[in-house]
Amino acid sequence: MEALKKEAINVISKMPDTAEIDDIMYRLYVIDKVRKGREAVRQGDTVSAEELQKEIESW
């Protein structure tokens, strides 16, 4: 968890001093989603393009 905290601090420190709280929250949200996506790929928890196309068409 310490690495995650350091990453968050690093990301925030690189943002401009004028960054709003919403900007910071959004940036951390995106980083969290990318992290979780990469972990899902590593674990093989993915959907093929064909499966996704079928799901989209069924809406």
N, C-alpha and C. Protein backbone atom coordinates (compact mmCIF):
# COMPACT_ATOMS: atom_id res chain seq x y z
N MET A 1 0.83 -1.19 0.00
CA MET A 1 0.00 0.00 0.00
C MET A 1 0.87 1.25 0.00
N GLU A 2 2.06 1.15 0.55
CA GLU A 2 2.96 2.30 0.58
C GLU A 2 3.29 2.77 -0.83
N ALA A 3 3.46 1.83 -1.76
CA ALA A 3 3.77 2.21 -3.14
C ALA A 3 2.62 3.01 -3.75
N LEU A 4 1.40 2.63 -3.43
CA LEU A 4 0.23 3.33 -3.94
C LEU A 4 0.18 4.76 -3.40
N LYS A 5 0.47 4.90 -2.14
CA LYS A 5 0.50 6.23 -1.51
C LYS A 5 1.57 7.10 -2.17
N LYS A 6 2.74 6.54 -2.39
CA LYS A 6 3.83 7.29 -3.03
C LYS A 6 3.46 7.68 -4.45
N GLU A 7 2.79 6.77 -5.16
CA GLU A 7 2.38 7.08 -6.53
C GLU A 7 1.38 8.24 -6.53
N ALA A 8 0.43 8.21 -5.60
CA ALA A 8 -0.57 9.28 -5.51
C ALA A 8 0.11 10.61 -5.21
N ILE A 9 1.03 10.61 -4.27
CA ILE A 9 1.75 11.84 -3.92
C ILE A 9 2.54 12.34 -5.12
N ASN A 10 3.18 11.43 -5.84
CA ASN A 10 3.97 11.80 -7.01
C ASN A 10 3.08 12.43 -8.09
N VAL A 11 1.94 11.82 -8.35
CA VAL A 11 1.02 12.34 -9.36
C VAL A 11 0.53 13.73 -8.97
N ILE A 12 0.12 13.88 -7.73
CA ILE A 12 -0.40 15.16 -7.27
C ILE A 12 0.68 16.23 -7.31
N SER A 13 1.89 15.88 -6.95
CA SER A 13 2.97 16.87 -6.93
C SER A 13 3.33 17.37 -8.33
N LYS A 14 3.03 16.57 -9.35
CA LYS A 14 3.32 16.98 -10.73
C LYS A 14 2.23 17.86 -11.34
N MET A 15 1.10 17.95 -10.65
CA MET A 15 0.00 18.76 -11.16
C MET A 15 0.28 20.23 -10.87
N PRO A 16 -0.31 21.12 -11.67
CA PRO A 16 -0.08 22.54 -11.44
C PRO A 16 -0.67 22.99 -10.09
N ASP A 17 -0.10 24.04 -9.54
CA ASP A 17 -0.59 24.56 -8.26
C ASP A 17 -2.04 25.04 -8.35
N THR A 18 -2.50 25.29 -9.54
CA THR A 18 -3.87 25.77 -9.74
C THR A 18 -4.89 24.63 -9.86
N ALA A 19 -4.43 23.39 -9.73
CA ALA A 19 -5.32 22.24 -9.88
C ALA A 19 -6.42 22.29 -8.82
N GLU A 20 -7.62 22.01 -9.27
CA GLU A 20 -8.78 21.95 -8.38
C GLU A 20 -8.88 20.55 -7.78
N ILE A 21 -9.61 20.43 -6.69
CA ILE A 21 -9.79 19.13 -6.05
C ILE A 21 -10.42 18.13 -7.03
N ASP A 22 -11.33 18.59 -7.87
CA ASP A 22 -11.95 17.70 -8.86
C ASP A 22 -10.91 17.17 -9.85
N ASP A 23 -9.95 18.01 -10.22
CA ASP A 23 -8.89 17.58 -11.14
C ASP A 23 -8.05 16.49 -10.49
N ILE A 24 -7.72 16.68 -9.23
CA ILE A 24 -6.90 15.71 -8.49
C ILE A 24 -7.66 14.40 -8.35
N MET A 25 -8.92 14.49 -7.96
CA MET A 25 -9.73 13.28 -7.78
C MET A 25 -9.88 12.52 -9.09
N TYR A 26 -10.09 13.25 -10.18
CA TYR A 26 -10.24 12.60 -11.48
C TYR A 26 -8.95 11.90 -11.89
N ARG A 27 -7.83 12.57 -11.71
CA ARG A 27 -6.55 11.97 -12.07
C ARG A 27 -6.30 10.69 -11.28
N LEU A 28 -6.58 10.71 -9.98
CA LEU A 28 -6.39 9.52 -9.16
C LEU A 28 -7.38 8.42 -9.55
N TYR A 29 -8.60 8.81 -9.92
CA TYR A 29 -9.61 7.85 -10.37
C TYR A 29 -9.12 7.13 -11.63
N VAL A 30 -8.61 7.88 -12.58
CA VAL A 30 -8.13 7.29 -13.84
C VAL A 30 -6.97 6.34 -13.56
N ILE A 31 -6.05 6.76 -12.73
CA ILE A 31 -4.91 5.90 -12.39
C ILE A 31 -5.39 4.60 -11.75
N ASP A 32 -6.38 4.70 -10.86
CA ASP A 32 -6.93 3.51 -10.21
C ASP A 32 -7.55 2.58 -11.24
N LYS A 33 -8.32 3.12 -12.19
CA LYS A 33 -8.96 2.30 -13.21
C LYS A 33 -7.93 1.62 -14.11
N VAL A 34 -6.88 2.34 -14.48
CA VAL A 34 -5.82 1.75 -15.32
C VAL A 34 -5.12 0.63 -14.56
N ARG A 35 -4.82 0.88 -13.29
CA ARG A 35 -4.19 -0.15 -12.45
C ARG A 35 -5.04 -1.42 -12.39
N LYS A 36 -6.33 -1.23 -12.13
CA LYS A 36 -7.24 -2.38 -12.03
C LYS A 36 -7.39 -3.09 -13.37
N GLY A 37 -7.39 -2.33 -14.45
CA GLY A 37 -7.47 -2.93 -15.77
C GLY A 37 -6.25 -3.77 -16.09
N ARG A 38 -5.09 -3.26 -15.76
CA ARG A 38 -3.86 -4.02 -16.00
C ARG A 38 -3.85 -5.31 -15.18
N GLU A 39 -4.30 -5.22 -13.94
CA GLU A 39 -4.35 -6.40 -13.09
C GLU A 39 -5.34 -7.43 -13.65
N ALA A 40 -6.47 -6.97 -14.15
CA ALA A 40 -7.45 -7.88 -14.74
C ALA A 40 -6.85 -8.59 -15.95
N VAL A 41 -6.11 -7.86 -16.76
CA VAL A 41 -5.45 -8.47 -17.93
C VAL A 41 -4.44 -9.51 -17.48
N ARG A 42 -3.65 -9.19 -16.46
CA ARG A 42 -2.66 -10.15 -15.94
C ARG A 42 -3.34 -11.43 -15.46
N GLN A 43 -4.53 -11.29 -14.90
CA GLN A 43 -5.25 -12.46 -14.38
C GLN A 43 -6.09 -13.15 -15.44
N GLY A 44 -6.10 -12.61 -16.65
CA GLY A 44 -6.85 -13.22 -17.73
C GLY A 44 -8.34 -12.92 -17.67
N ASP A 45 -8.71 -11.94 -16.88
CA ASP A 45 -10.12 -11.57 -16.72
C ASP A 45 -10.48 -10.53 -17.78
N THR A 46 -10.61 -10.99 -19.01
CA THR A 46 -10.87 -10.10 -20.14
C THR A 46 -12.05 -10.60 -20.96
N VAL A 47 -12.50 -9.77 -21.86
CA VAL A 47 -13.59 -10.10 -22.78
C VAL A 47 -13.05 -9.91 -24.19
N SER A 48 -13.36 -10.86 -25.07
CA SER A 48 -12.88 -10.73 -26.45
C SER A 48 -13.64 -9.62 -27.16
N ALA A 49 -13.08 -9.16 -28.25
CA ALA A 49 -13.74 -8.11 -29.04
C ALA A 49 -15.09 -8.59 -29.55
N GLU A 50 -15.17 -9.87 -29.93
CA GLU A 50 -16.42 -10.43 -30.42
C GLU A 50 -17.48 -10.45 -29.32
N GLU A 51 -17.08 -10.85 -28.11
CA GLU A 51 -18.02 -10.86 -26.99
C GLU A 51 -18.52 -9.46 -26.66
N LEU A 52 -17.62 -8.51 -26.71
CA LEU A 52 -17.99 -7.13 -26.44
C LEU A 52 -18.95 -6.61 -27.50
N GLN A 53 -18.69 -6.93 -28.76
CA GLN A 53 -19.57 -6.51 -29.85
C GLN A 53 -20.97 -7.07 -29.65
N LYS A 54 -21.06 -8.35 -29.28
CA LYS A 54 -22.36 -8.98 -29.04
C LYS A 54 -23.08 -8.29 -27.88
N GLU A 55 -22.36 -7.97 -26.84
CA GLU A 55 -22.96 -7.31 -25.68
C GLU A 55 -23.49 -5.93 -26.06
N ILE A 56 -22.72 -5.20 -26.85
CA ILE A 56 -23.14 -3.86 -27.28
C ILE A 56 -24.38 -3.95 -28.15
N GLU A 57 -24.40 -4.91 -29.04
CA GLU A 57 -25.54 -5.07 -29.96
C GLU A 57 -26.82 -5.49 -29.22
N SER A 58 -26.67 -6.13 -28.08
CA SER A 58 -27.85 -6.60 -27.35
C SER A 58 -28.50 -5.48 -26.53
N TRP A 59 -27.89 -4.33 -26.45
CA TRP A 59 -28.47 -3.22 -25.70
C TRP A 59 -29.55 -2.63 -26.46
